[in-house]
Amino acid sequence: MLGRMKLLIKWLLCAMALLAVAHFYSGVQVQSLGSALIAAVVIGLFNTLLRPVLVVLTLPVTLLTLGLFLFVINALMFWWAASLLDGFQVRDFSAALLGSLLYTVAGMVINSALDSLFPK
């Protein structure tokens, strides 16, 4: 029961974080809370399903760049999600890079807060 509650709260907070990124950075646009909720799910699914495959496939490049290529992978996940959804737009790749960075930092704060509220 607590696991489901934590997942629901995380989903809502990630959608709010996406709205905050769009509010503070003009390169990312989210039309509504509903669009942010859907985008948070799509980004989460991409990060869960596609990101590990891309990390493995690009491991040599990631090693050569000392891990900095992971930022590119995060930006691609962010940009691809925006390309699939109507209410979520990202201006270009540089906007996806900065938007994904802001969204990732917010996600880290959310995860940390939820881990302290819902101990294992």
PDB file of N, CA and C in Angstrom:
ATOM      1  N   MET A   1       0.814  -1.195   0.000  1.00  0.00           N
ATOM      2  CA  MET A   1       0.000   0.000   0.000  1.00  0.00           C
ATOM      3  C   MET A   1       0.864   1.267   0.000  1.00  0.00           C
ATOM      4  N   LEU A   2       1.898   1.291   0.851  1.00  0.00           N
ATOM      5  CA  LEU A   2       2.771   2.460   0.902  1.00  0.00           C
ATOM      6  C   LEU A   2       3.551   2.633  -0.388  1.00  0.00           C
ATOM      7  N   GLY A   3       3.889   1.504  -1.031  1.00  0.00           N
ATOM      8  CA  GLY A   3       4.614   1.572  -2.297  1.00  0.00           C
ATOM      9  C   GLY A   3       3.791   2.256  -3.381  1.00  0.00           C
ATOM     10  N   ARG A   4       2.494   1.951  -3.417  1.00  0.00           N
ATOM     11  CA  ARG A   4       1.611   2.587  -4.394  1.00  0.00           C
ATOM     12  C   ARG A   4       1.431   4.064  -4.095  1.00  0.00           C
ATOM     13  N   MET A   5       1.323   4.386  -2.810  1.00  0.00           N
ATOM     14  CA  MET A   5       1.182   5.786  -2.399  1.00  0.00           C
ATOM     15  C   MET A   5       2.436   6.573  -2.794  1.00  0.00           C
ATOM     16  N   LYS A   6       3.590   5.992  -2.553  1.00  0.00           N
ATOM     17  CA  LYS A   6       4.854   6.650  -2.898  1.00  0.00           C
ATOM     18  C   LYS A   6       4.942   6.871  -4.408  1.00  0.00           C
ATOM     19  N   LEU A   7       4.548   5.874  -5.191  1.00  0.00           N
ATOM     20  CA  LEU A   7       4.594   5.996  -6.649  1.00  0.00           C
ATOM     21  C   LEU A   7       3.643   7.088  -7.136  1.00  0.00           C
ATOM     22  N   LEU A   8       2.452   7.146  -6.572  1.00  0.00           N
ATOM     23  CA  LEU A   8       1.484   8.166  -6.957  1.00  0.00           C
ATOM     24  C   LEU A   8       1.985   9.569  -6.604  1.00  0.00           C
ATOM     25  N   ILE A   9       2.532   9.716  -5.415  1.00  0.00           N
ATOM     26  CA  ILE A   9       3.062  11.019  -5.003  1.00  0.00           C
ATOM     27  C   ILE A   9       4.238  11.418  -5.876  1.00  0.00           C
ATOM     28  N   LYS A  10       5.103  10.451  -6.184  1.00  0.00           N
ATOM     29  CA  LYS A  10       6.253  10.738  -7.051  1.00  0.00           C
ATOM     30  C   LYS A  10       5.784  11.190  -8.424  1.00  0.00           C
ATOM     31  N   TRP A  11       4.775  10.527  -8.965  1.00  0.00           N
ATOM     32  CA  TRP A  11       4.242  10.888 -10.275  1.00  0.00           C
ATOM     33  C   TRP A  11       3.706  12.326 -10.264  1.00  0.00           C
ATOM     34  N   LEU A  12       2.931  12.653  -9.242  1.00  0.00           N
ATOM     35  CA  LEU A  12       2.371  14.004  -9.135  1.00  0.00           C
ATOM     36  C   LEU A  12       3.471  15.056  -8.968  1.00  0.00           C
ATOM     37  N   LEU A  13       4.458  14.753  -8.135  1.00  0.00           N
ATOM     38  CA  LEU A  13       5.551  15.708  -7.916  1.00  0.00           C
ATOM     39  C   LEU A  13       6.419  15.871  -9.159  1.00  0.00           C
ATOM     40  N   CYS A  14       6.632  14.795  -9.903  1.00  0.00           N
ATOM     41  CA  CYS A  14       7.402  14.897 -11.146  1.00  0.00           C
ATOM     42  C   CYS A  14       6.646  15.731 -12.181  1.00  0.00           C
ATOM     43  N   ALA A  15       5.336  15.587 -12.234  1.00  0.00           N
ATOM     44  CA  ALA A  15       4.540  16.424 -13.133  1.00  0.00           C
ATOM     45  C   ALA A  15       4.635  17.891 -12.713  1.00  0.00           C
ATOM     46  N   MET A  16       4.593  18.143 -11.420  1.00  0.00           N
ATOM     47  CA  MET A  16       4.746  19.515 -10.932  1.00  0.00           C
ATOM     48  C   MET A  16       6.140  20.060 -11.247  1.00  0.00           C
ATOM     49  N   ALA A  17       7.144  19.193 -11.136  1.00  0.00           N
ATOM     50  CA  ALA A  17       8.504  19.607 -11.474  1.00  0.00           C
ATOM     51  C   ALA A  17       8.598  19.966 -12.951  1.00  0.00           C
ATOM     52  N   LEU A  18       7.923  19.218 -13.801  1.00  0.00           N
ATOM     53  CA  LEU A  18       7.917  19.523 -15.230  1.00  0.00           C
ATOM     54  C   LEU A  18       7.235  20.861 -15.495  1.00  0.00           C
ATOM     55  N   LEU A  19       6.157  21.129 -14.776  1.00  0.00           N
ATOM     56  CA  LEU A  19       5.506  22.438 -14.890  1.00  0.00           C
ATOM     57  C   LEU A  19       6.432  23.557 -14.416  1.00  0.00           C
ATOM     58  N   ALA A  20       7.190  23.292 -13.358  1.00  0.00           N
ATOM     59  CA  ALA A  20       8.136  24.297 -12.856  1.00  0.00           C
ATOM     60  C   ALA A  20       9.247  24.557 -13.868  1.00  0.00           C
ATOM     61  N   VAL A  21       9.763  23.501 -14.488  1.00  0.00           N
ATOM     62  CA  VAL A  21      10.792  23.677 -15.524  1.00  0.00           C
ATOM     63  C   VAL A  21      10.234  24.545 -16.646  1.00  0.00           C
ATOM     64  N   ALA A  22       9.022  24.261 -17.076  1.00  0.00           N
ATOM     65  CA  ALA A  22       8.397  25.046 -18.150  1.00  0.00           C
ATOM     66  C   ALA A  22       8.159  26.500 -17.720  1.00  0.00           C
ATOM     67  N   HIS A  23       7.859  26.695 -16.457  1.00  0.00           N
ATOM     68  CA  HIS A  23       7.619  28.055 -15.960  1.00  0.00           C
ATOM     69  C   HIS A  23       8.911  28.877 -15.933  1.00  0.00           C
ATOM     70  N   PHE A  24      10.003  28.254 -15.512  1.00  0.00           N
ATOM     71  CA  PHE A  24      11.260  28.987 -15.343  1.00  0.00           C
ATOM     72  C   PHE A  24      12.140  28.998 -16.587  1.00  0.00           C
ATOM     73  N   TYR A  25      11.861  28.112 -17.543  1.00  0.00           N
ATOM     74  CA  TYR A  25      12.699  28.037 -18.744  1.00  0.00           C
ATOM     75  C   TYR A  25      11.804  28.031 -19.980  1.00  0.00           C
ATOM     76  N   SER A  26      11.970  29.021 -20.830  1.00  0.00           N
ATOM     77  CA  SER A  26      11.078  29.192 -21.980  1.00  0.00           C
ATOM     78  C   SER A  26      11.306  28.165 -23.086  1.00  0.00           C
ATOM     79  N   GLY A  27      12.378  27.413 -23.050  1.00  0.00           N
ATOM     80  CA  GLY A  27      12.633  26.410 -24.073  1.00  0.00           C
ATOM     81  C   GLY A  27      11.750  25.185 -23.937  1.00  0.00           C
ATOM     82  N   VAL A  28      11.091  25.046 -22.788  1.00  0.00           N
ATOM     83  CA  VAL A  28      10.195  23.919 -22.528  1.00  0.00           C
ATOM     84  C   VAL A  28       8.804  24.498 -22.266  1.00  0.00           C
ATOM     85  N   GLN A  29       7.800  23.913 -22.922  1.00  0.00           N
ATOM     86  CA  GLN A  29       6.432  24.377 -22.729  1.00  0.00           C
ATOM     87  C   GLN A  29       5.531  23.195 -22.387  1.00  0.00           C
ATOM     88  N   VAL A  30       4.708  23.383 -21.364  1.00  0.00           N
ATOM     89  CA  VAL A  30       3.706  22.389 -20.964  1.00  0.00           C
ATOM     90  C   VAL A  30       2.376  23.122 -20.884  1.00  0.00           C
ATOM     91  N   GLN A  31       1.364  22.620 -21.600  1.00  0.00           N
ATOM     92  CA  GLN A  31       0.099  23.337 -21.698  1.00  0.00           C
ATOM     93  C   GLN A  31      -0.774  23.233 -20.465  1.00  0.00           C
ATOM     94  N   SER A  32      -0.717  22.091 -19.751  1.00  0.00           N
ATOM     95  CA  SER A  32      -1.633  21.920 -18.625  1.00  0.00           C
ATOM     96  C   SER A  32      -1.077  20.877 -17.658  1.00  0.00           C
ATOM     97  N   LEU A  33      -1.735  20.764 -16.521  1.00  0.00           N
ATOM     98  CA  LEU A  33      -1.346  19.738 -15.556  1.00  0.00           C
ATOM     99  C   LEU A  33      -1.543  18.341 -16.160  1.00  0.00           C
ATOM    100  N   GLY A  34      -2.608  18.159 -16.910  1.00  0.00           N
ATOM    101  CA  GLY A  34      -2.843  16.869 -17.556  1.00  0.00           C
ATOM    102  C   GLY A  34      -1.720  16.500 -18.513  1.00  0.00           C
ATOM    103  N   SER A  35      -1.271  17.479 -19.286  1.00  0.00           N
ATOM    104  CA  SER A  35      -0.144  17.242 -20.197  1.00  0.00           C
ATOM    105  C   SER A  35       1.121  16.904 -19.419  1.00  0.00           C
ATOM    106  N   ALA A  36       1.320  17.582 -18.291  1.00  0.00           N
ATOM    107  CA  ALA A  36       2.499  17.310 -17.460  1.00  0.00           C
ATOM    108  C   ALA A  36       2.430  15.913 -16.855  1.00  0.00           C
ATOM    109  N   LEU A  37       1.239  15.481 -16.457  1.00  0.00           N
ATOM    110  CA  LEU A  37       1.085  14.133 -15.903  1.00  0.00           C
ATOM    111  C   LEU A  37       1.413  13.074 -16.946  1.00  0.00           C
ATOM    112  N   ILE A  38       0.902  13.270 -18.158  1.00  0.00           N
ATOM    113  CA  ILE A  38       1.182  12.315 -19.234  1.00  0.00           C
ATOM    114  C   ILE A  38       2.663  12.343 -19.595  1.00  0.00           C
ATOM    115  N   ALA A  39       3.246  13.531 -19.681  1.00  0.00           N
ATOM    116  CA  ALA A  39       4.665  13.655 -20.019  1.00  0.00           C
ATOM    117  C   ALA A  39       5.543  13.006 -18.953  1.00  0.00           C
ATOM    118  N   ALA A  40       5.175  13.148 -17.681  1.00  0.00           N
ATOM    119  CA  ALA A  40       5.956  12.530 -16.603  1.00  0.00           C
ATOM    120  C   ALA A  40       5.944  11.006 -16.732  1.00  0.00           C
ATOM    121  N   VAL A  41       4.806  10.450 -17.129  1.00  0.00           N
ATOM    122  CA  VAL A  41       4.726   8.996 -17.337  1.00  0.00           C
ATOM    123  C   VAL A  41       5.592   8.576 -18.516  1.00  0.00           C
ATOM    124  N   VAL A  42       5.495   9.310 -19.622  1.00  0.00           N
ATOM    125  CA  VAL A  42       6.266   8.953 -20.821  1.00  0.00           C
ATOM    126  C   VAL A  42       7.761   9.084 -20.556  1.00  0.00           C
ATOM    127  N   ILE A  43       8.184  10.154 -19.916  1.00  0.00           N
ATOM    128  CA  ILE A  43       9.599  10.321 -19.598  1.00  0.00           C
ATOM    129  C   ILE A  43      10.065   9.210 -18.663  1.00  0.00           C
ATOM    130  N   GLY A  44       9.245   8.880 -17.677  1.00  0.00           N
ATOM    131  CA  GLY A  44       9.582   7.788 -16.763  1.00  0.00           C
ATOM    132  C   GLY A  44       9.713   6.454 -17.481  1.00  0.00           C
ATOM    133  N   LEU A  45       8.794   6.170 -18.406  1.00  0.00           N
ATOM    134  CA  LEU A  45       8.875   4.925 -19.175  1.00  0.00           C
ATOM    135  C   LEU A  45      10.109   4.901 -20.068  1.00  0.00           C
ATOM    136  N   PHE A  46      10.397   6.022 -20.728  1.00  0.00           N
ATOM    137  CA  PHE A  46      11.598   6.091 -21.559  1.00  0.00           C
ATOM    138  C   PHE A  46      12.850   5.859 -20.722  1.00  0.00           C
ATOM    139  N   ASN A  47      12.907   6.497 -19.551  1.00  0.00           N
ATOM    140  CA  ASN A  47      14.088   6.347 -18.702  1.00  0.00           C
ATOM    141  C   ASN A  47      14.215   4.931 -18.146  1.00  0.00           C
ATOM    142  N   THR A  48      13.082   4.266 -17.963  1.00  0.00           N
ATOM    143  CA  THR A  48      13.105   2.900 -17.444  1.00  0.00           C
ATOM    144  C   THR A  48      13.417   1.880 -18.534  1.00  0.00           C
ATOM    145  N   LEU A  49      12.853   2.065 -19.717  1.00  0.00           N
ATOM    146  CA  LEU A  49      12.968   1.062 -20.770  1.00  0.00           C
ATOM    147  C   LEU A  49      14.054   1.355 -21.808  1.00  0.00           C
ATOM    148  N   LEU A  50      14.128   2.579 -22.296  1.00  0.00           N
ATOM    149  CA  LEU A  50      15.068   2.901 -23.368  1.00  0.00           C
ATOM    150  C   LEU A  50      16.450   3.322 -22.884  1.00  0.00           C
ATOM    151  N   ARG A  51      16.492   4.082 -21.802  1.00  0.00           N
ATOM    152  CA  ARG A  51      17.772   4.625 -21.327  1.00  0.00           C
ATOM    153  C   ARG A  51      18.811   3.541 -21.045  1.00  0.00           C
ATOM    154  N   PRO A  52      18.471   2.431 -20.357  1.00  0.00           N
ATOM    155  CA  PRO A  52      19.507   1.410 -20.117  1.00  0.00           C
ATOM    156  C   PRO A  52      20.065   0.818 -21.410  1.00  0.00           C
ATOM    157  N   VAL A  53      19.226   0.635 -22.414  1.00  0.00           N
ATOM    158  CA  VAL A  53      19.691   0.108 -23.699  1.00  0.00           C
ATOM    159  C   VAL A  53      20.645   1.104 -24.355  1.00  0.00           C
ATOM    160  N   LEU A  54      20.269   2.381 -24.347  1.00  0.00           N
ATOM    161  CA  LEU A  54      21.134   3.400 -24.931  1.00  0.00           C
ATOM    162  C   LEU A  54      22.453   3.545 -24.180  1.00  0.00           C
ATOM    163  N   VAL A  55      22.397   3.415 -22.871  1.00  0.00           N
ATOM    164  CA  VAL A  55      23.631   3.508 -22.073  1.00  0.00           C
ATOM    165  C   VAL A  55      24.593   2.389 -22.453  1.00  0.00           C
ATOM    166  N   VAL A  56      24.073   1.189 -22.605  1.00  0.00           N
ATOM    167  CA  VAL A  56      24.927   0.056 -22.985  1.00  0.00           C
ATOM    168  C   VAL A  56      25.463   0.237 -24.404  1.00  0.00           C
ATOM    169  N   LEU A  57      24.602   0.638 -25.334  1.00  0.00           N
ATOM    170  CA  LEU A  57      25.029   0.798 -26.726  1.00  0.00           C
ATOM    171  C   LEU A  57      26.053   1.913 -26.911  1.00  0.00           C
ATOM    172  N   THR A  58      25.984   2.925 -26.071  1.00  0.00           N
ATOM    173  CA  THR A  58      26.900   4.063 -26.202  1.00  0.00           C
ATOM    174  C   THR A  58      27.998   4.053 -25.145  1.00  0.00           C
ATOM    175  N   LEU A  59      28.239   2.907 -24.541  1.00  0.00           N
ATOM    176  CA  LEU A  59      29.228   2.823 -23.471  1.00  0.00           C
ATOM    177  C   LEU A  59      30.616   3.322 -23.889  1.00  0.00           C
ATOM    178  N   PRO A  60      31.123   2.963 -25.079  1.00  0.00           N
ATOM    179  CA  PRO A  60      32.446   3.495 -25.452  1.00  0.00           C
ATOM    180  C   PRO A  60      32.489   5.024 -25.499  1.00  0.00           C
ATOM    181  N   VAL A  61      31.450   5.642 -26.062  1.00  0.00           N
ATOM    182  CA  VAL A  61      31.399   7.107 -26.130  1.00  0.00           C
ATOM    183  C   VAL A  61      31.281   7.693 -24.729  1.00  0.00           C
ATOM    184  N   THR A  62      30.480   7.046 -23.900  1.00  0.00           N
ATOM    185  CA  THR A  62      30.310   7.515 -22.518  1.00  0.00           C
ATOM    186  C   THR A  62      31.626   7.450 -21.759  1.00  0.00           C
ATOM    187  N   LEU A  63      32.384   6.383 -21.952  1.00  0.00           N
ATOM    188  CA  LEU A  63      33.684   6.273 -21.296  1.00  0.00           C
ATOM    189  C   LEU A  63      34.665   7.314 -21.813  1.00  0.00           C
ATOM    190  N   LEU A  64      34.677   7.541 -23.128  1.00  0.00           N
ATOM    191  CA  LEU A  64      35.584   8.539 -23.702  1.00  0.00           C
ATOM    192  C   LEU A  64      35.272   9.951 -23.215  1.00  0.00           C
ATOM    193  N   THR A  65      34.009  10.227 -22.974  1.00  0.00           N
ATOM    194  CA  THR A  65      33.614  11.569 -22.512  1.00  0.00           C
ATOM    195  C   THR A  65      33.523  11.647 -20.990  1.00  0.00           C
ATOM    196  N   LEU A  66      34.025  10.606 -20.323  1.00  0.00           N
ATOM    197  CA  LEU A  66      34.027  10.545 -18.864  1.00  0.00           C
ATOM    198  C   LEU A  66      32.615  10.688 -18.278  1.00  0.00           C
ATOM    199  N   GLY A  67      31.637  10.123 -18.974  1.00  0.00           N
ATOM    200  CA  GLY A  67      30.268  10.107 -18.480  1.00  0.00           C
ATOM    201  C   GLY A  67      29.406  11.270 -18.943  1.00  0.00           C
ATOM    202  N   LEU A  68      30.006  12.253 -19.594  1.00  0.00           N
ATOM    203  CA  LEU A  68      29.226  13.420 -20.012  1.00  0.00           C
ATOM    204  C   LEU A  68      28.196  13.091 -21.083  1.00  0.00           C
ATOM    205  N   PHE A  69      28.416  12.000 -21.831  1.00  0.00           N
ATOM    206  CA  PHE A  69      27.448  11.615 -22.859  1.00  0.00           C
ATOM    207  C   PHE A  69      26.116  11.200 -22.244  1.00  0.00           C
ATOM    208  N   LEU A  70      26.107  10.865 -20.966  1.00  0.00           N
ATOM    209  CA  LEU A  70      24.845  10.531 -20.291  1.00  0.00           C
ATOM    210  C   LEU A  70      23.889  11.717 -20.291  1.00  0.00           C
ATOM    211  N   PHE A  71      24.429  12.943 -20.286  1.00  0.00           N
ATOM    212  CA  PHE A  71      23.581  14.132 -20.383  1.00  0.00           C
ATOM    213  C   PHE A  71      22.871  14.170 -21.735  1.00  0.00           C
ATOM    214  N   VAL A  72      23.577  13.750 -22.782  1.00  0.00           N
ATOM    215  CA  VAL A  72      22.984  13.699 -24.116  1.00  0.00           C
ATOM    216  C   VAL A  72      21.857  12.663 -24.147  1.00  0.00           C
ATOM    217  N   ILE A  73      22.093  11.511 -23.535  1.00  0.00           N
ATOM    218  CA  ILE A  73      21.056  10.475 -23.485  1.00  0.00           C
ATOM    219  C   ILE A  73      19.826  10.986 -22.738  1.00  0.00           C
ATOM    220  N   ASN A  74      20.028  11.655 -21.611  1.00  0.00           N
ATOM    221  CA  ASN A  74      18.894  12.232 -20.864  1.00  0.00           C
ATOM    222  C   ASN A  74      18.136  13.249 -21.712  1.00  0.00           C
ATOM    223  N   ALA A  75      18.882  14.080 -22.436  1.00  0.00           N
ATOM    224  CA  ALA A  75      18.251  15.081 -23.293  1.00  0.00           C
ATOM    225  C   ALA A  75      17.449  14.409 -24.408  1.00  0.00           C
ATOM    226  N   LEU A  76      17.969  13.334 -24.961  1.00  0.00           N
ATOM    227  CA  LEU A  76      17.237  12.611 -26.002  1.00  0.00           C
ATOM    228  C   LEU A  76      15.933  12.037 -25.475  1.00  0.00           C
ATOM    229  N   MET A  77      15.955  11.482 -24.263  1.00  0.00           N
ATOM    230  CA  MET A  77      14.729  10.953 -23.670  1.00  0.00           C
ATOM    231  C   MET A  77      13.691  12.071 -23.507  1.00  0.00           C
ATOM    232  N   PHE A  78      14.140  13.208 -23.043  1.00  0.00           N
ATOM    233  CA  PHE A  78      13.287  14.377 -22.822  1.00  0.00           C
ATOM    234  C   PHE A  78      12.711  14.866 -24.148  1.00  0.00           C
ATOM    235  N   TRP A  79      13.571  14.980 -25.159  1.00  0.00           N
ATOM    236  CA  TRP A  79      13.187  15.487 -26.471  1.00  0.00           C
ATOM    237  C   TRP A  79      12.237  14.529 -27.175  1.00  0.00           C
ATOM    238  N   TRP A  80      12.520  13.228 -27.097  1.00  0.00           N
ATOM    239  CA  TRP A  80      11.659  12.232 -27.730  1.00  0.00           C
ATOM    240  C   TRP A  80      10.271  12.219 -27.090  1.00  0.00           C
ATOM    241  N   ALA A  81      10.222  12.365 -25.776  1.00  0.00           N
ATOM    242  CA  ALA A  81       8.919  12.420 -25.110  1.00  0.00           C
ATOM    243  C   ALA A  81       8.122  13.616 -25.621  1.00  0.00           C
ATOM    244  N   ALA A  82       8.790  14.750 -25.762  1.00  0.00           N
ATOM    245  CA  ALA A  82       8.106  15.949 -26.256  1.00  0.00           C
ATOM    246  C   ALA A  82       7.646  15.777 -27.702  1.00  0.00           C
ATOM    247  N   SER A  83       8.406  15.033 -28.490  1.00  0.00           N
ATOM    248  CA  SER A  83       8.022  14.847 -29.888  1.00  0.00           C
ATOM    249  C   SER A  83       6.787  13.960 -30.034  1.00  0.00           C
ATOM    250  N   LEU A  84       6.502  13.148 -29.030  1.00  0.00           N
ATOM    251  CA  LEU A  84       5.346  12.250 -29.082  1.00  0.00           C
ATOM    252  C   LEU A  84       4.062  12.878 -28.546  1.00  0.00           C
ATOM    253  N   LEU A  85       4.193  13.896 -27.727  1.00  0.00           N
ATOM    254  CA  LEU A  85       3.041  14.442 -27.002  1.00  0.00           C
ATOM    255  C   LEU A  85       2.641  15.807 -27.538  1.00  0.00           C
ATOM    256  N   ASP A  86       1.348  16.087 -27.508  1.00  0.00           N
ATOM    257  CA  ASP A  86       0.845  17.371 -28.011  1.00  0.00           C
ATOM    258  C   ASP A  86       1.016  18.513 -27.010  1.00  0.00           C
ATOM    259  N   GLY A  87       0.789  18.279 -25.745  1.00  0.00           N
ATOM    260  CA  GLY A  87       0.812  19.353 -24.764  1.00  0.00           C
ATOM    261  C   GLY A  87       2.167  19.620 -24.140  1.00  0.00           C
ATOM    262  N   PHE A  88       3.197  18.990 -24.669  1.00  0.00           N
ATOM    263  CA  PHE A  88       4.552  19.124 -24.122  1.00  0.00           C
ATOM    264  C   PHE A  88       5.498  19.374 -25.293  1.00  0.00           C
ATOM    265  N   GLN A  89       6.106  20.560 -25.327  1.00  0.00           N
ATOM    266  CA  GLN A  89       7.012  20.920 -26.416  1.00  0.00           C
ATOM    267  C   GLN A  89       8.369  21.335 -25.873  1.00  0.00           C
ATOM    268  N   VAL A  90       9.391  20.977 -26.636  1.00  0.00           N
ATOM    269  CA  VAL A  90      10.759  21.396 -26.352  1.00  0.00           C
ATOM    270  C   VAL A  90      11.280  22.047 -27.626  1.00  0.00           C
ATOM    271  N   ARG A  91      11.808  23.249 -27.508  1.00  0.00           N
ATOM    272  CA  ARG A  91      12.193  24.067 -28.664  1.00  0.00           C
ATOM    273  C   ARG A  91      13.221  23.382 -29.564  1.00  0.00           C
ATOM    274  N   ASP A  92      14.331  22.910 -28.995  1.00  0.00           N
ATOM    275  CA  ASP A  92      15.379  22.270 -29.781  1.00  0.00           C
ATOM    276  C   ASP A  92      16.224  21.408 -28.851  1.00  0.00           C
ATOM    277  N   PHE A  93      17.315  20.861 -29.388  1.00  0.00           N
ATOM    278  CA  PHE A  93      18.107  19.938 -28.577  1.00  0.00           C
ATOM    279  C   PHE A  93      18.761  20.644 -27.389  1.00  0.00           C
ATOM    280  N   SER A  94      19.219  21.865 -27.578  1.00  0.00           N
ATOM    281  CA  SER A  94      19.847  22.568 -26.449  1.00  0.00           C
ATOM    282  C   SER A  94      18.814  22.832 -25.343  1.00  0.00           C
ATOM    283  N   ALA A  95      17.579  23.114 -25.741  1.00  0.00           N
ATOM    284  CA  ALA A  95      16.519  23.288 -24.749  1.00  0.00           C
ATOM    285  C   ALA A  95      16.234  21.967 -24.045  1.00  0.00           C
ATOM    286  N   ALA A  96      16.297  20.868 -24.799  1.00  0.00           N
ATOM    287  CA  ALA A  96      16.099  19.548 -24.196  1.00  0.00           C
ATOM    288  C   ALA A  96      17.220  19.243 -23.217  1.00  0.00           C
ATOM    289  N   LEU A  97      18.442  19.646 -23.546  1.00  0.00           N
ATOM    290  CA  LEU A  97      19.577  19.406 -22.664  1.00  0.00           C
ATOM    291  C   LEU A  97      19.406  20.154 -21.344  1.00  0.00           C
ATOM    292  N   LEU A  98      19.099  21.424 -21.410  1.00  0.00           N
ATOM    293  CA  LEU A  98      18.923  22.210 -20.181  1.00  0.00           C
ATOM    294  C   LEU A  98      17.649  21.794 -19.441  1.00  0.00           C
ATOM    295  N   GLY A  99      16.565  21.564 -20.179  1.00  0.00           N
ATOM    296  CA  GLY A  99      15.313  21.141 -19.549  1.00  0.00           C
ATOM    297  C   GLY A  99      15.459  19.810 -18.841  1.00  0.00           C
ATOM    298  N   SER A 100      16.153  18.857 -19.474  1.00  0.00           N
ATOM    299  CA  SER A 100      16.338  17.552 -18.838  1.00  0.00           C
ATOM    300  C   SER A 100      17.241  17.659 -17.618  1.00  0.00           C
ATOM    301  N   LEU A 101      18.210  18.553 -17.665  1.00  0.00           N
ATOM    302  CA  LEU A 101      19.078  18.761 -16.509  1.00  0.00           C
ATOM    303  C   LEU A 101      18.281  19.310 -15.329  1.00  0.00           C
ATOM    304  N   LEU A 102      17.457  20.313 -15.582  1.00  0.00           N
ATOM    305  CA  LEU A 102      16.617  20.883 -14.519  1.00  0.00           C
ATOM    306  C   LEU A 102      15.630  19.847 -13.982  1.00  0.00           C
ATOM    307  N   TYR A 103      15.032  19.080 -14.891  1.00  0.00           N
ATOM    308  CA  TYR A 103      14.062  18.059 -14.495  1.00  0.00           C
ATOM    309  C   TYR A 103      14.735  16.944 -13.694  1.00  0.00           C
ATOM    310  N   THR A 104      15.946  16.593 -14.067  1.00  0.00           N
ATOM    311  CA  THR A 104      16.687  15.554 -13.346  1.00  0.00           C
ATOM    312  C   THR A 104      17.041  16.010 -11.935  1.00  0.00           C
ATOM    313  N   VAL A 105      17.470  17.256 -11.795  1.00  0.00           N
ATOM    314  CA  VAL A 105      17.785  17.788 -10.463  1.00  0.00           C
ATOM    315  C   VAL A 105      16.530  17.789  -9.595  1.00  0.00           C
ATOM    316  N   ALA A 106      15.419  18.216 -10.165  1.00  0.00           N
ATOM    317  CA  ALA A 106      14.159  18.206  -9.409  1.00  0.00           C
ATOM    318  C   ALA A 106      13.781  16.777  -9.028  1.00  0.00           C
ATOM    319  N   GLY A 107      13.974  15.828  -9.944  1.00  0.00           N
ATOM    320  CA  GLY A 107      13.689  14.427  -9.656  1.00  0.00           C
ATOM    321  C   GLY A 107      14.550  13.872  -8.545  1.00  0.00           C
ATOM    322  N   MET A 108      15.806  14.295  -8.497  1.00  0.00           N
ATOM    323  CA  MET A 108      16.696  13.848  -7.423  1.00  0.00           C
ATOM    324  C   MET A 108      16.218  14.378  -6.071  1.00  0.00           C
ATOM    325  N   VAL A 109      15.777  15.624  -6.041  1.00  0.00           N
ATOM    326  CA  VAL A 109      15.247  16.208  -4.804  1.00  0.00           C
ATOM    327  C   VAL A 109      13.976  15.466  -4.386  1.00  0.00           C
ATOM    328  N   ILE A 110      13.112  15.184  -5.355  1.00  0.00           N
ATOM    329  CA  ILE A 110      11.872  14.462  -5.071  1.00  0.00           C
ATOM    330  C   ILE A 110      12.178  13.076  -4.516  1.00  0.00           C
ATOM    331  N   ASN A 111      13.089  12.350  -5.159  1.00  0.00           N
ATOM    332  CA  ASN A 111      13.454  11.007  -4.686  1.00  0.00           C
ATOM    333  C   ASN A 111      14.019  11.041  -3.277  1.00  0.00           C
ATOM    334  N   SER A 112      14.863  12.009  -3.014  1.00  0.00           N
ATOM    335  CA  SER A 112      15.463  12.124  -1.685  1.00  0.00           C
ATOM    336  C   SER A 112      14.398  12.399  -0.629  1.00  0.00           C
ATOM    337  N   ALA A 113      13.485  13.312  -0.944  1.00  0.00           N
ATOM    338  CA  ALA A 113      12.414  13.646   0.013  1.00  0.00           C
ATOM    339  C   ALA A 113      11.500  12.448   0.249  1.00  0.00           C
ATOM    340  N   LEU A 114      11.155  11.743  -0.813  1.00  0.00           N
ATOM    341  CA  LEU A 114      10.259  10.595  -0.665  1.00  0.00           C
ATOM    342  C   LEU A 114      10.936   9.441   0.062  1.00  0.00           C
ATOM    343  N   ASP A 115      12.237   9.268  -0.143  1.00  0.00           N
ATOM    344  CA  ASP A 115      12.952   8.222   0.580  1.00  0.00           C
ATOM    345  C   ASP A 115      12.983   8.492   2.074  1.00  0.00           C
ATOM    346  N   SER A 116      13.018   9.765   2.456  1.00  0.00           N
ATOM    347  CA  SER A 116      13.000  10.069   3.884  1.00  0.00           C
ATOM    348  C   SER A 116      11.579   9.971   4.462  1.00  0.00           C
ATOM    349  N   LEU A 117      10.572  10.236   3.631  1.00  0.00           N
ATOM    350  CA  LEU A 117       9.187  10.122   4.097  1.00  0.00           C
ATOM    351  C   LEU A 117       8.682   8.681   4.114  1.00  0.00           C
ATOM    352  N   PHE A 118       9.157   7.876   3.182  1.00  0.00           N
ATOM    353  CA  PHE A 118       8.733   6.486   3.065  1.00  0.00           C
ATOM    354  C   PHE A 118       9.957   5.570   3.217  1.00  0.00           C
ATOM    355  N   PRO A 119      10.467   5.386   4.430  1.00  0.00           N
ATOM    356  CA  PRO A 119      11.650   4.528   4.592  1.00  0.00           C
ATOM    357  C   PRO A 119      11.305   3.089   4.204  1.00  0.00           C
ATOM    358  N   LYS A 120      12.342   2.382   3.798  1.00  0.00           N
ATOM    359  CA  LYS A 120      12.139   0.986   3.357  1.00  0.00           C
ATOM    360  C   LYS A 120      12.000   0.025   4.493  1.00  0.00           C
TER     361      LYS A 120
END
